[in-house]
Protein backbone atom coordinates (compact mmCIF):
# COMPACT_ATOMS: atom_id res chain seq x y z
CA MET A 1 -144.64 -146.37 149.81
CA GLY A 2 -144.83 -143.04 150.57
CA PRO A 3 -145.75 -139.38 150.40
CA TYR A 4 -142.39 -136.76 149.41
CA PHE A 5 -142.27 -132.84 148.83
CA PHE A 6 -140.57 -132.51 145.58
CA GLY A 7 -138.79 -129.78 144.54
CA PRO A 8 -139.00 -127.02 142.35
CA VAL A 9 -139.76 -127.43 138.52
CA GLU A 10 -136.21 -127.16 137.44
CA HIS A 11 -135.34 -130.81 139.09
CA ARG A 12 -138.87 -132.07 136.84
CA LEU A 13 -141.50 -133.96 138.19
CA TYR A 14 -142.37 -137.21 138.13
CA ASN A 15 -146.13 -138.16 139.41
CA LYS A 16 -145.14 -140.41 142.39
CA VAL A 17 -145.71 -139.35 145.59
CA ARG A 18 -143.11 -136.82 147.33
CA CYS A 19 -142.85 -133.61 148.93
CA GLY A 20 -141.12 -131.39 146.17
CA VAL A 21 -142.35 -129.80 142.58
CA GLY A 22 -145.89 -131.27 141.79
CA VAL A 23 -147.07 -132.96 139.18
CA SER A 24 -150.33 -132.91 140.00
CA GLU A 25 -151.43 -129.54 141.05
CA GLN A 26 -149.37 -126.70 143.72
CA PHE A 27 -149.88 -126.66 146.92
CA VAL A 28 -152.37 -124.65 148.67
CA ILE A 29 -151.03 -122.84 151.78
CA LYS A 30 -154.22 -123.85 153.76
CA SER A 31 -152.98 -122.34 157.01
CA ASP A 32 -150.27 -119.95 157.27
CA GLU A 33 -149.82 -119.89 161.07
CA GLU A 34 -150.40 -123.47 161.33
CA ARG A 35 -148.08 -124.49 158.24
CA ILE A 36 -150.30 -126.48 157.10
CA VAL A 37 -149.88 -127.03 153.14
CA LEU A 38 -152.71 -128.98 151.08
CA GLY A 39 -152.16 -130.78 147.50
CA VAL A 40 -153.34 -133.63 145.12
CA VAL A 41 -150.92 -136.67 145.56
CA TYR A 42 -152.14 -138.46 142.08
CA ALA A 43 -155.31 -137.96 139.73
CA PRO A 44 -156.78 -140.69 137.84
CA GLY A 45 -157.06 -140.70 134.33
CA SER A 46 -154.02 -138.20 133.50
CA ILE A 47 -151.08 -139.08 131.69
CA ASP A 48 -147.85 -138.50 133.97
CA SER A 49 -144.38 -137.65 132.76
CA ASP A 50 -143.63 -141.60 132.62
CA GLY A 51 -146.26 -141.59 130.20
CA GLU A 52 -148.47 -143.72 132.49
CA ALA A 53 -151.64 -142.94 134.71
CA MET A 54 -153.99 -145.07 137.40
CA THR A 55 -157.08 -145.42 137.35
CA GLU A 56 -159.50 -144.30 139.98
CA GLU A 57 -159.96 -147.51 141.99
CA ALA A 58 -156.32 -147.62 142.09
CA VAL A 59 -155.16 -144.35 143.30
CA LYS A 60 -158.17 -145.29 146.05
CA SER A 61 -156.32 -147.63 147.07
CA MET A 62 -153.10 -146.39 147.16
CA ALA A 63 -154.59 -143.57 149.42
CA TYR A 64 -156.42 -146.12 151.59
CA GLU A 65 -153.33 -148.18 152.11
CA PHE A 66 -151.33 -145.35 152.99
CA LEU A 67 -153.69 -143.65 155.89
CA SER A 68 -154.85 -146.94 157.51
CA SER A 69 -151.25 -148.17 157.68
CA GLY A 70 -149.63 -145.35 159.48
CA LYS A 71 -147.68 -144.02 157.35
CA VAL A 72 -148.35 -140.32 158.22
CA ASP A 73 -144.73 -139.25 159.30
CA LYS A 74 -143.35 -141.19 156.14
CA ILE A 75 -142.53 -138.04 153.97
CA ASP A 76 -139.45 -136.94 153.14
CA VAL A 77 -137.91 -134.42 150.52
CA GLN A 78 -137.01 -135.02 146.73
CA HIS A 79 -136.80 -138.70 147.65
CA ASN A 80 -133.86 -138.65 149.28
CA PHE A 81 -135.78 -141.31 151.74
CA GLU A 82 -135.10 -139.11 154.96
CA GLU A 83 -137.88 -138.57 157.23
CA SER A 84 -138.30 -134.58 157.00
CA GLY A 85 -140.76 -134.12 160.38
CA SER A 86 -143.50 -133.30 158.41
CA LEU A 87 -147.13 -135.04 159.41
CA VAL A 88 -150.01 -136.47 157.51
CA VAL A 89 -152.97 -134.09 159.13
CA GLU A 90 -155.35 -134.82 156.47
CA SER A 91 -155.96 -137.43 153.80
CA PHE A 92 -158.96 -138.37 151.42
CA VAL A 93 -160.05 -139.23 148.02
CA ALA A 94 -162.15 -136.28 145.82
CA ARG A 95 -165.83 -137.31 145.62
CA ALA A 96 -167.74 -136.54 142.54
CA ASN A 97 -168.61 -132.62 142.22
CA ASP A 98 -165.65 -131.61 144.38
CA PRO A 99 -165.27 -127.95 143.76
CA ASP A 100 -161.45 -127.76 144.20
CA PHE A 101 -160.48 -131.24 142.92
CA THR A 102 -160.41 -133.72 140.35
CA PRO A 103 -162.83 -136.28 141.02
CA GLY A 104 -161.29 -139.42 141.92
CA ALA A 105 -157.86 -137.35 143.33
CA TRP A 106 -156.31 -138.65 146.36
CA VAL A 107 -155.65 -135.24 148.29
CA MET A 108 -153.30 -134.63 151.26
CA ALA A 109 -152.73 -131.88 153.90
CA THR A 110 -149.24 -131.76 155.53
CA LYS A 111 -148.11 -130.06 158.62
CA ILE A 112 -144.42 -128.94 158.37
CA THR A 113 -142.56 -128.76 161.14
CA ASP A 114 -138.71 -127.92 159.37
CA ASP A 115 -138.01 -124.47 159.33
CA ASP A 116 -135.96 -124.60 156.07
CA LEU A 117 -138.20 -126.55 153.89
CA TRP A 118 -141.48 -124.10 155.10
CA HIS A 119 -139.09 -121.61 154.26
CA SER A 120 -138.55 -123.59 150.41
CA ILE A 121 -142.29 -123.96 150.39
CA LYS A 122 -143.29 -120.45 150.83
CA ALA A 123 -140.48 -119.43 148.27
CA GLY A 124 -142.28 -121.81 145.62
CA GLU A 125 -138.74 -124.13 145.83
CA ILE A 126 -141.13 -127.00 146.83
CA ASN A 127 -144.49 -126.76 145.76
CA GLY A 128 -146.32 -130.34 145.03
CA TYR A 129 -146.70 -134.08 146.23
CA SER A 130 -145.46 -137.13 144.37
CA PHE A 131 -145.35 -140.96 145.30
CA ALA A 132 -142.60 -143.56 145.90
CA GLY A 133 -143.54 -147.27 146.10
CA PRO A 134 -143.99 -150.60 143.84
CA VAL A 135 -146.41 -150.35 141.13
CA LYS A 136 -147.64 -153.50 139.08
CA LYS A 137 -147.56 -151.82 134.86
CA VAL A 138 -150.80 -153.53 133.42
CA PRO A 139 -150.65 -152.66 129.49
CA VAL A 140 -153.93 -151.68 128.35
CA ILE A 141 -155.80 -151.36 124.62
CA ALA A 142 -157.93 -148.21 124.90
CA ASP A 143 -159.76 -145.88 122.50
CA VAL A 144 -158.91 -142.45 123.19
CA GLU A 145 -159.66 -139.47 121.52
CA ILE A 146 -156.14 -137.31 120.42
CA THR A 147 -156.01 -133.96 120.54
CA LYS A 148 -153.43 -132.43 118.37
CA THR A 149 -153.04 -128.85 119.96
CA ILE A 150 -154.09 -127.87 123.39
CA LYS A 151 -153.13 -124.57 124.32
CA GLY A 152 -153.31 -122.78 128.03
CA THR A 153 -151.71 -120.76 131.15
CA THR A 154 -148.70 -122.14 132.90
CA GLN A 155 -148.90 -121.85 136.79
CA LYS A 156 -147.13 -118.83 138.25
CA SER A 157 -143.41 -118.83 139.07
CA ARG A 158 -142.72 -117.78 142.64
CA ILE A 159 -139.07 -117.84 143.20
CA ASP A 160 -137.15 -114.33 144.02
CA ILE A 161 -134.83 -113.73 141.35
CA ILE A 162 -137.43 -112.86 139.30
CA PRO A 163 -141.00 -111.24 139.31
CA GLU A 164 -144.16 -113.74 139.78
CA HIS A 165 -145.48 -114.33 136.48
CA LYS A 166 -147.18 -116.86 134.37
CA HIS A 167 -146.98 -117.79 130.40
CA ASN A 168 -149.52 -118.53 127.75
CA TYR A 169 -148.14 -121.78 125.91
CA SER A 170 -149.29 -124.15 123.19
CA VAL A 171 -148.43 -127.88 123.03
CA TYR A 172 -148.43 -129.87 119.62
CA PHE A 173 -149.25 -134.02 119.70
CA ASP A 174 -148.66 -136.89 116.94
CA ASN A 175 -150.93 -139.27 116.32
CA ALA A 176 -149.36 -141.50 119.16
CA GLY A 177 -150.63 -138.57 121.77
CA ARG A 178 -146.96 -137.51 122.22
CA ILE A 179 -145.58 -133.86 122.56
CA VAL A 180 -143.95 -133.17 119.91
CA HIS A 181 -143.36 -129.58 120.35
CA GLY A 182 -144.35 -127.06 122.77
CA GLU A 183 -143.54 -123.76 124.06
CA ALA A 184 -144.42 -121.22 126.77
CA HIS A 185 -144.80 -118.09 125.04
CA ASP A 186 -142.89 -114.68 125.69
CA GLY A 187 -145.30 -112.39 125.89
CA LYS A 188 -146.55 -109.14 127.54
CA GLY A 189 -143.17 -108.15 128.31
CA ILE A 190 -142.05 -111.46 130.22
CA GLY A 191 -138.71 -111.02 128.00
CA HIS A 192 -138.17 -115.02 127.64
CA LYS A 193 -140.25 -117.74 127.09
CA HIS A 194 -139.68 -121.92 127.82
CA PRO A 195 -139.80 -125.46 125.73
CA ILE A 196 -142.34 -128.03 126.59
CA LEU A 197 -141.48 -131.85 126.19
CA ALA A 198 -143.18 -133.27 129.27
CA PRO A 199 -147.31 -132.88 130.49
CA ASP A 200 -146.33 -131.80 133.71
CA ALA A 201 -143.81 -129.02 133.40
CA THR A 202 -141.45 -126.36 131.40
CA GLU A 203 -138.03 -126.73 130.59
CA LEU A 204 -135.61 -124.01 131.78
CA SER A 205 -135.41 -120.55 130.95
CA LEU A 206 -133.31 -117.98 133.26
CA ASP A 207 -132.85 -120.76 136.49
CA HIS A 208 -136.85 -121.55 136.60
CA GLY A 209 -139.64 -123.33 135.66
CA HIS A 210 -143.67 -123.38 135.37
CA ARG A 211 -146.06 -126.15 136.42
CA ILE A 212 -148.33 -127.25 133.35
CA ASN A 213 -151.34 -129.84 132.96
CA VAL A 214 -151.77 -131.00 129.97
CA ASN A 215 -154.29 -133.42 130.55
CA GLU A 216 -156.88 -130.68 131.88
């Protein structure tokens, strides 16, 4: 099991740890000079694009096992399972009242050594974590409050082919909490819109996509 960088939202995200286009939250460049990026690997209680979620205890156990077993160099790109040369330099579970991260989220900082990978991160082509590894799926019955409509704002698109921008979006759910329709709207002269079929990213339009989080 290990983190991976995963590529632009164009490649669709799946909330497992890898380096690429992130599902949870976008990378923050913590140090441009040192090439260190910070981001969430997995946040508890958030439904991922597989329609699954993890408890806070499970996320903590995964984070602790990864670090304690010395897997700090087990970072690949887009689940190619080839070590990228990147190194984990920080790993922690966000505490209650954390000003930046969801409590219980696994947060990681990685030092990037490969020039091409760093360029892809700076360009926004690689912008988050996911994870890979065996999982045990446990069916549960839970009482949940179903929201029929969610409105929000996408994260910015930072690719070079069009100016940096973001969209307002609306997502509509059925009685089981599944997305039935969603759209990142064309507003303020943006000139395009994106369908939304998954809880973590828009579909492509003009060769790019945006990350969203309908679990917020």
